């Protein structure tokens, strides 16, 4: 079984190093970033099992980084780390989609317990279904009925975003922001291209069709029945 991957975004190098040592001792794989923009870049490079985000970061604040993550990813657990202990700061972080909030200085055992709890919750929520389509967010396995479907990383991200918003019509801008990020400056036709890729792999030859075009608006994933 592979070790859970944790991304630590913390600008205080000593704290980041302590977290790295403690987490690796507990059996996690750890990658560190020391500012928000580097954290965002690393976040987009691979799938993470959990993120630890400091609130006060140079370049891009922890809360702004959280906003960008949650614009297209509701699944990855995020625990905020901060020296602030005001209730309003905690409420803000939780309202933006943080799973938990730990105030510095913290006991490492408490943080480890919160990490274990967040990973258990993620494991419980890893499988999404609609009709005979099953998507496992953690293992990246996709099935229609008994048939396994192989998707690229971007195709999988697009399918997960559609699954999270099933039965909701999404326009191209929403899909671009949710899957490619709102700082994507390429051709918006990329959405149509990847929708076509997905249809060829998970709708072609299957009934019912699950990806539907709403003319003049966008796309929706739903069981037409």
C-alpha atoms as a PDB file:
ATOM      1  CA  UNK A   1       0.000   0.000   0.000  1.00  0.00           C
ATOM      2  CA  UNK A   2       1.449   3.383  -0.994  1.00  0.00           C
ATOM      3  CA  UNK A   3       2.209   6.010   1.623  1.00  0.00           C
ATOM      4  CA  UNK A   4      -0.192   8.988   1.790  1.00  0.00           C
ATOM      5  CA  UNK A   5       1.243  12.106   0.122  1.00  0.00           C
ATOM      6  CA  UNK A   6       1.132  15.286   2.208  1.00  0.00           C
ATOM      7  CA  UNK A   7       1.979  18.758   0.919  1.00  0.00           C
ATOM      8  CA  UNK A   8       3.199  21.135   3.637  1.00  0.00           C
ATOM      9  CA  UNK A   9       3.054  24.842   2.752  1.00  0.00           C
ATOM     10  CA  UNK A  10       4.815  26.672   5.591  1.00  0.00           C
ATOM     11  CA  UNK A  11       7.176  29.661   5.353  1.00  0.00           C
ATOM     12  CA  UNK A  12       8.878  29.102   8.721  1.00  0.00           C
ATOM     13  CA  UNK A  13      11.661  26.727   7.736  1.00  0.00           C
ATOM     14  CA  UNK A  14      12.177  25.281  11.222  1.00  0.00           C
ATOM     15  CA  UNK A  15       8.487  24.432  11.602  1.00  0.00           C
ATOM     16  CA  UNK A  16       8.391  22.988   8.085  1.00  0.00           C
ATOM     17  CA  UNK A  17      11.393  20.783   8.854  1.00  0.00           C
ATOM     18  CA  UNK A  18       9.916  19.547  12.147  1.00  0.00           C
ATOM     19  CA  UNK A  19       6.643  18.713  10.377  1.00  0.00           C
ATOM     20  CA  UNK A  20       8.548  16.889   7.637  1.00  0.00           C
ATOM     21  CA  UNK A  21      10.503  14.768  10.138  1.00  0.00           C
ATOM     22  CA  UNK A  22       7.466  13.936  12.290  1.00  0.00           C
ATOM     23  CA  UNK A  23       5.245  13.085   9.324  1.00  0.00           C
ATOM     24  CA  UNK A  24       7.882  10.941   7.630  1.00  0.00           C
ATOM     25  CA  UNK A  25       8.417   9.107  10.920  1.00  0.00           C
ATOM     26  CA  UNK A  26       4.675   8.361  10.915  1.00  0.00           C
ATOM     27  CA  UNK A  27       4.941   6.868   7.433  1.00  0.00           C
ATOM     28  CA  UNK A  28       3.799   9.751   5.224  1.00  0.00           C
ATOM     29  CA  UNK A  29       5.508  11.072   2.086  1.00  0.00           C
ATOM     30  CA  UNK A  30       6.125  14.797   2.521  1.00  0.00           C
ATOM     31  CA  UNK A  31       6.809  17.638   0.096  1.00  0.00           C
ATOM     32  CA  UNK A  32       7.457  21.177   1.379  1.00  0.00           C
ATOM     33  CA  UNK A  33       6.785  24.627  -0.076  1.00  0.00           C
ATOM     34  CA  UNK A  34       7.797  27.887   1.593  1.00  0.00           C
ATOM     35  CA  UNK A  35       5.406  30.320  -0.118  1.00  0.00           C
ATOM     36  CA  UNK A  36       1.886  30.285  -1.522  1.00  0.00           C
ATOM     37  CA  UNK A  37       2.753  30.396  -5.213  1.00  0.00           C
ATOM     38  CA  UNK A  38       5.169  27.476  -4.881  1.00  0.00           C
ATOM     39  CA  UNK A  39       2.485  25.641  -2.924  1.00  0.00           C
ATOM     40  CA  UNK A  40      -0.014  26.231  -5.737  1.00  0.00           C
ATOM     41  CA  UNK A  41       2.459  25.001  -8.352  1.00  0.00           C
ATOM     42  CA  UNK A  42       3.203  21.819  -6.414  1.00  0.00           C
ATOM     43  CA  UNK A  43      -0.494  21.245  -5.688  1.00  0.00           C
ATOM     44  CA  UNK A  44      -1.239  21.261  -9.424  1.00  0.00           C
ATOM     45  CA  UNK A  45       1.561  18.833 -10.270  1.00  0.00           C
ATOM     46  CA  UNK A  46       0.057  15.726  -8.664  1.00  0.00           C
ATOM     47  CA  UNK A  47      -2.710  14.251  -6.555  1.00  0.00           C
ATOM     48  CA  UNK A  48      -2.302  14.829  -2.809  1.00  0.00           C
ATOM     49  CA  UNK A  49      -3.879  12.941   0.066  1.00  0.00           C
ATOM     50  CA  UNK A  50      -3.775  15.965   2.405  1.00  0.00           C
ATOM     51  CA  UNK A  51      -2.505  19.554   2.562  1.00  0.00           C
ATOM     52  CA  UNK A  52      -1.173  21.458   5.564  1.00  0.00           C
ATOM     53  CA  UNK A  53      -1.408  25.205   4.840  1.00  0.00           C
ATOM     54  CA  UNK A  54      -0.055  28.029   6.932  1.00  0.00           C
ATOM     55  CA  UNK A  55      -2.389  31.040   6.817  1.00  0.00           C
ATOM     56  CA  UNK A  56       0.295  33.748   6.693  1.00  0.00           C
ATOM     57  CA  UNK A  57       2.358  32.979   3.593  1.00  0.00           C
ATOM     58  CA  UNK A  58       4.438  35.206   1.289  1.00  0.00           C
ATOM     59  CA  UNK A  59       3.406  35.507  -2.355  1.00  0.00           C
ATOM     60  CA  UNK A  60      -0.078  34.071  -1.927  1.00  0.00           C
ATOM     61  CA  UNK A  61      -1.785  33.780   1.455  1.00  0.00           C
ATOM     62  CA  UNK A  62      -2.968  30.448   2.787  1.00  0.00           C
ATOM     63  CA  UNK A  63      -6.599  31.547   2.526  1.00  0.00           C
ATOM     64  CA  UNK A  64      -6.139  32.672  -1.097  1.00  0.00           C
ATOM     65  CA  UNK A  65      -4.400  29.389  -1.868  1.00  0.00           C
ATOM     66  CA  UNK A  66      -7.310  27.544  -0.260  1.00  0.00           C
ATOM     67  CA  UNK A  67      -9.779  29.495  -2.428  1.00  0.00           C
ATOM     68  CA  UNK A  68      -7.946  28.420  -5.582  1.00  0.00           C
ATOM     69  CA  UNK A  69      -7.811  24.810  -4.467  1.00  0.00           C
ATOM     70  CA  UNK A  70     -11.495  24.703  -3.541  1.00  0.00           C
ATOM     71  CA  UNK A  71     -12.533  26.298  -6.853  1.00  0.00           C
ATOM     72  CA  UNK A  72     -12.105  22.885  -8.440  1.00  0.00           C
ATOM     73  CA  UNK A  73     -11.297  20.408  -5.677  1.00  0.00           C
ATOM     74  CA  UNK A  74     -13.705  19.721  -2.837  1.00  0.00           C
ATOM     75  CA  UNK A  75     -12.179  16.364  -1.937  1.00  0.00           C
ATOM     76  CA  UNK A  76      -8.561  16.866  -0.834  1.00  0.00           C
ATOM     77  CA  UNK A  77      -8.441  17.404   2.942  1.00  0.00           C
ATOM     78  CA  UNK A  78      -6.896  20.730   3.987  1.00  0.00           C
ATOM     79  CA  UNK A  79      -5.766  21.553   7.529  1.00  0.00           C
ATOM     80  CA  UNK A  80      -4.879  25.194   8.178  1.00  0.00           C
ATOM     81  CA  UNK A  81      -1.964  26.112  10.457  1.00  0.00           C
ATOM     82  CA  UNK A  82      -1.805  29.567  11.982  1.00  0.00           C
ATOM     83  CA  UNK A  83      -0.527  31.644  14.867  1.00  0.00           C
ATOM     84  CA  UNK A  84      -3.869  33.422  14.917  1.00  0.00           C
ATOM     85  CA  UNK A  85      -6.356  32.156  17.470  1.00  0.00           C
ATOM     86  CA  UNK A  86      -9.280  34.534  16.879  1.00  0.00           C
ATOM     87  CA  UNK A  87     -12.584  32.763  16.332  1.00  0.00           C
ATOM     88  CA  UNK A  88     -13.268  34.903  13.237  1.00  0.00           C
ATOM     89  CA  UNK A  89     -10.060  33.665  11.559  1.00  0.00           C
ATOM     90  CA  UNK A  90     -11.026  30.064  12.193  1.00  0.00           C
ATOM     91  CA  UNK A  91     -14.546  30.648  10.889  1.00  0.00           C
ATOM     92  CA  UNK A  92     -13.155  32.247   7.726  1.00  0.00           C
ATOM     93  CA  UNK A  93     -10.877  29.285   7.050  1.00  0.00           C
ATOM     94  CA  UNK A  94     -13.628  26.743   7.642  1.00  0.00           C
ATOM     95  CA  UNK A  95     -16.114  28.701   5.515  1.00  0.00           C
ATOM     96  CA  UNK A  96     -13.613  28.667   2.644  1.00  0.00           C
ATOM     97  CA  UNK A  97     -13.506  24.886   2.776  1.00  0.00           C
ATOM     98  CA  UNK A  98     -10.775  23.948   5.253  1.00  0.00           C
ATOM     99  CA  UNK A  99     -11.422  20.614   6.945  1.00  0.00           C
ATOM    100  CA  UNK A 100      -9.709  21.603  10.176  1.00  0.00           C
ATOM    101  CA  UNK A 101      -7.797  24.425  11.833  1.00  0.00           C
ATOM    102  CA  UNK A 102      -4.808  24.077  14.187  1.00  0.00           C
ATOM    103  CA  UNK A 103      -3.378  27.027  16.120  1.00  0.00           C
ATOM    104  CA  UNK A 104       0.365  27.397  16.729  1.00  0.00           C
ATOM    105  CA  UNK A 105       2.012  26.381  18.935  1.00  0.00           C
ATOM    106  CA  UNK A 106       0.419  22.943  18.684  1.00  0.00           C
ATOM    107  CA  UNK A 107       1.207  19.549  20.125  1.00  0.00           C
ATOM    108  CA  UNK A 108       2.417  17.286  17.321  1.00  0.00           C
ATOM    109  CA  UNK A 109       0.324  14.365  18.614  1.00  0.00           C
ATOM    110  CA  UNK A 110      -2.828  16.455  18.300  1.00  0.00           C
ATOM    111  CA  UNK A 111      -1.937  17.439  14.739  1.00  0.00           C
ATOM    112  CA  UNK A 112      -1.201  13.819  13.818  1.00  0.00           C
ATOM    113  CA  UNK A 113      -4.580  12.765  15.223  1.00  0.00           C
ATOM    114  CA  UNK A 114      -6.335  15.439  13.155  1.00  0.00           C
ATOM    115  CA  UNK A 115      -4.458  14.288  10.048  1.00  0.00           C
ATOM    116  CA  UNK A 116      -5.538  10.686  10.642  1.00  0.00           C
ATOM    117  CA  UNK A 117      -9.152  11.802  11.112  1.00  0.00           C
ATOM    118  CA  UNK A 118      -9.092  13.860   7.883  1.00  0.00           C
ATOM    119  CA  UNK A 119      -7.606  10.966   5.905  1.00  0.00           C
ATOM    120  CA  UNK A 120     -10.258   8.581   7.276  1.00  0.00           C
ATOM    121  CA  UNK A 121     -12.994  10.984   6.195  1.00  0.00           C
ATOM    122  CA  UNK A 122     -11.471  11.222   2.721  1.00  0.00           C
ATOM    123  CA  UNK A 123     -11.302   7.448   2.445  1.00  0.00           C
ATOM    124  CA  UNK A 124     -14.981   7.197   3.342  1.00  0.00           C
ATOM    125  CA  UNK A 125     -15.893   9.694   0.602  1.00  0.00           C
ATOM    126  CA  UNK A 126     -13.581   8.488  -2.159  1.00  0.00           C
ATOM    127  CA  UNK A 127     -16.163   6.717  -4.355  1.00  0.00           C
ATOM    128  CA  UNK A 128     -18.691   8.628  -6.491  1.00  0.00           C
ATOM    129  CA  UNK A 129     -21.433   7.021  -8.571  1.00  0.00           C
ATOM    130  CA  UNK A 130     -24.083   7.899 -11.111  1.00  0.00           C
ATOM    131  CA  UNK A 131     -26.046   5.212 -12.982  1.00  0.00           C
ATOM    132  CA  UNK A 132     -23.460   2.485 -13.773  1.00  0.00           C
ATOM    133  CA  UNK A 133     -20.487   4.897 -13.678  1.00  0.00           C
ATOM    134  CA  UNK A 134     -18.193   4.538 -10.654  1.00  0.00           C
ATOM    135  CA  UNK A 135     -15.268   6.876  -9.948  1.00  0.00           C
ATOM    136  CA  UNK A 136     -12.746   6.254  -7.171  1.00  0.00           C
ATOM    137  CA  UNK A 137     -11.083   9.590  -6.389  1.00  0.00           C
ATOM    138  CA  UNK A 138      -8.163   8.067  -4.457  1.00  0.00           C
ATOM    139  CA  UNK A 139      -7.187   5.252  -6.812  1.00  0.00           C
ATOM    140  CA  UNK A 140      -8.233   6.990 -10.070  1.00  0.00           C
ATOM    141  CA  UNK A 141     -10.206   3.907 -11.077  1.00  0.00           C
ATOM    142  CA  UNK A 142     -13.180   4.488 -13.394  1.00  0.00           C
ATOM    143  CA  UNK A 143     -15.753   1.864 -14.335  1.00  0.00           C
ATOM    144  CA  UNK A 144     -18.884   1.680 -16.449  1.00  0.00           C
ATOM    145  CA  UNK A 145     -20.534  -1.414 -15.118  1.00  0.00           C
ATOM    146  CA  UNK A 146     -17.783  -4.038 -15.016  1.00  0.00           C
ATOM    147  CA  UNK A 147     -15.640  -2.318 -17.658  1.00  0.00           C
ATOM    148  CA  UNK A 148     -12.524  -0.419 -16.574  1.00  0.00           C
ATOM    149  CA  UNK A 149     -11.963   2.915 -18.334  1.00  0.00           C
ATOM    150  CA  UNK A 150      -8.462   4.374 -18.654  1.00  0.00           C
ATOM    151  CA  UNK A 151      -8.302   8.169 -18.428  1.00  0.00           C
ATOM    152  CA  UNK A 152      -5.446  10.665 -18.546  1.00  0.00           C
ATOM    153  CA  UNK A 153      -4.910  12.865 -15.483  1.00  0.00           C
ATOM    154  CA  UNK A 154      -6.731  15.830 -17.064  1.00  0.00           C
ATOM    155  CA  UNK A 155      -9.602  13.680 -18.329  1.00  0.00           C
ATOM    156  CA  UNK A 156      -9.969  12.272 -14.830  1.00  0.00           C
ATOM    157  CA  UNK A 157      -9.964  15.762 -13.267  1.00  0.00           C
ATOM    158  CA  UNK A 158     -12.674  16.870 -15.698  1.00  0.00           C
ATOM    159  CA  UNK A 159     -14.797  13.808 -14.955  1.00  0.00           C
ATOM    160  CA  UNK A 160     -14.437  14.291 -11.186  1.00  0.00           C
ATOM    161  CA  UNK A 161     -15.480  17.939 -11.520  1.00  0.00           C
ATOM    162  CA  UNK A 162     -18.532  16.931 -13.554  1.00  0.00           C
ATOM    163  CA  UNK A 163     -19.362  14.247 -10.968  1.00  0.00           C
ATOM    164  CA  UNK A 164     -19.131  16.723  -8.107  1.00  0.00           C
ATOM    165  CA  UNK A 165     -21.559  18.973  -9.964  1.00  0.00           C
ATOM    166  CA  UNK A 166     -23.762  16.271 -11.488  1.00  0.00           C
ATOM    167  CA  UNK A 167     -27.146  17.424 -12.774  1.00  0.00           C
ATOM    168  CA  UNK A 168     -25.828  21.009 -12.880  1.00  0.00           C
ATOM    169  CA  UNK A 169     -25.239  22.660 -16.252  1.00  0.00           C
ATOM    170  CA  UNK A 170     -21.676  24.040 -16.334  1.00  0.00           C
ATOM    171  CA  UNK A 171     -20.499  26.567 -18.896  1.00  0.00           C
ATOM    172  CA  UNK A 172     -17.019  26.556 -20.412  1.00  0.00           C
ATOM    173  CA  UNK A 173     -15.710  29.243 -18.053  1.00  0.00           C
ATOM    174  CA  UNK A 174     -16.803  27.238 -15.013  1.00  0.00           C
ATOM    175  CA  UNK A 175     -15.139  24.109 -16.358  1.00  0.00           C
ATOM    176  CA  UNK A 176     -11.970  26.001 -17.265  1.00  0.00           C
ATOM    177  CA  UNK A 177     -11.704  27.517 -13.785  1.00  0.00           C
ATOM    178  CA  UNK A 178     -12.608  24.289 -12.001  1.00  0.00           C
ATOM    179  CA  UNK A 179     -10.295  21.973 -13.936  1.00  0.00           C
ATOM    180  CA  UNK A 180      -7.559  24.122 -15.514  1.00  0.00           C
ATOM    181  CA  UNK A 181      -7.540  26.944 -12.927  1.00  0.00           C
ATOM    182  CA  UNK A 182      -8.744  30.531 -13.301  1.00  0.00           C
ATOM    183  CA  UNK A 183      -5.276  31.707 -14.339  1.00  0.00           C
ATOM    184  CA  UNK A 184      -5.381  29.483 -17.465  1.00  0.00           C
ATOM    185  CA  UNK A 185      -4.845  31.609 -20.569  1.00  0.00           C
ATOM    186  CA  UNK A 186      -5.117  29.027 -23.343  1.00  0.00           C
ATOM    187  CA  UNK A 187      -7.897  28.376 -25.840  1.00  0.00           C
ATOM    188  CA  UNK A 188     -11.328  27.848 -24.256  1.00  0.00           C
ATOM    189  CA  UNK A 189     -11.951  25.195 -26.936  1.00  0.00           C
ATOM    190  CA  UNK A 190      -9.803  22.907 -24.777  1.00  0.00           C
ATOM    191  CA  UNK A 191     -13.001  22.183 -22.805  1.00  0.00           C
ATOM    192  CA  UNK A 192     -14.799  20.913 -25.918  1.00  0.00           C
ATOM    193  CA  UNK A 193     -11.777  18.816 -26.861  1.00  0.00           C
ATOM    194  CA  UNK A 194     -11.638  17.076 -23.486  1.00  0.00           C
ATOM    195  CA  UNK A 195     -15.407  16.606 -23.320  1.00  0.00           C
ATOM    196  CA  UNK A 196     -15.078  14.775 -26.654  1.00  0.00           C
ATOM    197  CA  UNK A 197     -12.241  12.633 -25.260  1.00  0.00           C
ATOM    198  CA  UNK A 198     -14.384  11.722 -22.248  1.00  0.00           C
ATOM    199  CA  UNK A 199     -17.419  10.879 -24.350  1.00  0.00           C
ATOM    200  CA  UNK A 200     -15.383   8.593 -26.575  1.00  0.00           C
ATOM    201  CA  UNK A 201     -14.093   6.684 -23.555  1.00  0.00           C
ATOM    202  CA  UNK A 202     -17.055   6.548 -21.139  1.00  0.00           C
ATOM    203  CA  UNK A 203     -20.207   7.159 -23.209  1.00  0.00           C
ATOM    204  CA  UNK A 204     -19.494   5.636 -26.627  1.00  0.00           C
ATOM    205  CA  UNK A 205     -20.981   2.150 -26.709  1.00  0.00           C
ATOM    206  CA  UNK A 206     -22.757   2.566 -23.366  1.00  0.00           C
ATOM    207  CA  UNK A 207     -26.356   3.281 -22.444  1.00  0.00           C
ATOM    208  CA  UNK A 208     -27.492   5.656 -21.118  1.00  0.00           C
ATOM    209  CA  UNK A 209     -25.278   8.507 -22.298  1.00  0.00           C
ATOM    210  CA  UNK A 210     -24.232  10.543 -19.262  1.00  0.00           C
ATOM    211  CA  UNK A 211     -22.524  13.658 -20.690  1.00  0.00           C
ATOM    212  CA  UNK A 212     -25.010  15.998 -22.366  1.00  0.00           C
ATOM    213  CA  UNK A 213     -24.643  19.266 -24.279  1.00  0.00           C
ATOM    214  CA  UNK A 214     -26.995  22.106 -23.384  1.00  0.00           C
ATOM    215  CA  UNK A 215     -26.827  24.248 -26.507  1.00  0.00           C
ATOM    216  CA  UNK A 216     -25.708  27.804 -25.905  1.00  0.00           C
ATOM    217  CA  UNK A 217     -24.863  27.054 -22.274  1.00  0.00           C
ATOM    218  CA  UNK A 218     -22.445  24.191 -21.674  1.00  0.00           C
ATOM    219  CA  UNK A 219     -22.371  20.613 -20.438  1.00  0.00           C
ATOM    220  CA  UNK A 220     -24.042  18.507 -17.761  1.00  0.00           C
ATOM    221  CA  UNK A 221     -23.422  15.029 -16.368  1.00  0.00           C
ATOM    222  CA  UNK A 222     -26.714  13.300 -15.572  1.00  0.00           C
ATOM    223  CA  UNK A 223     -28.801  10.185 -16.055  1.00  0.00           C
ATOM    224  CA  UNK A 224     -31.381  11.328 -18.642  1.00  0.00           C
ATOM    225  CA  UNK A 225     -33.960   8.948 -17.228  1.00  0.00           C
END
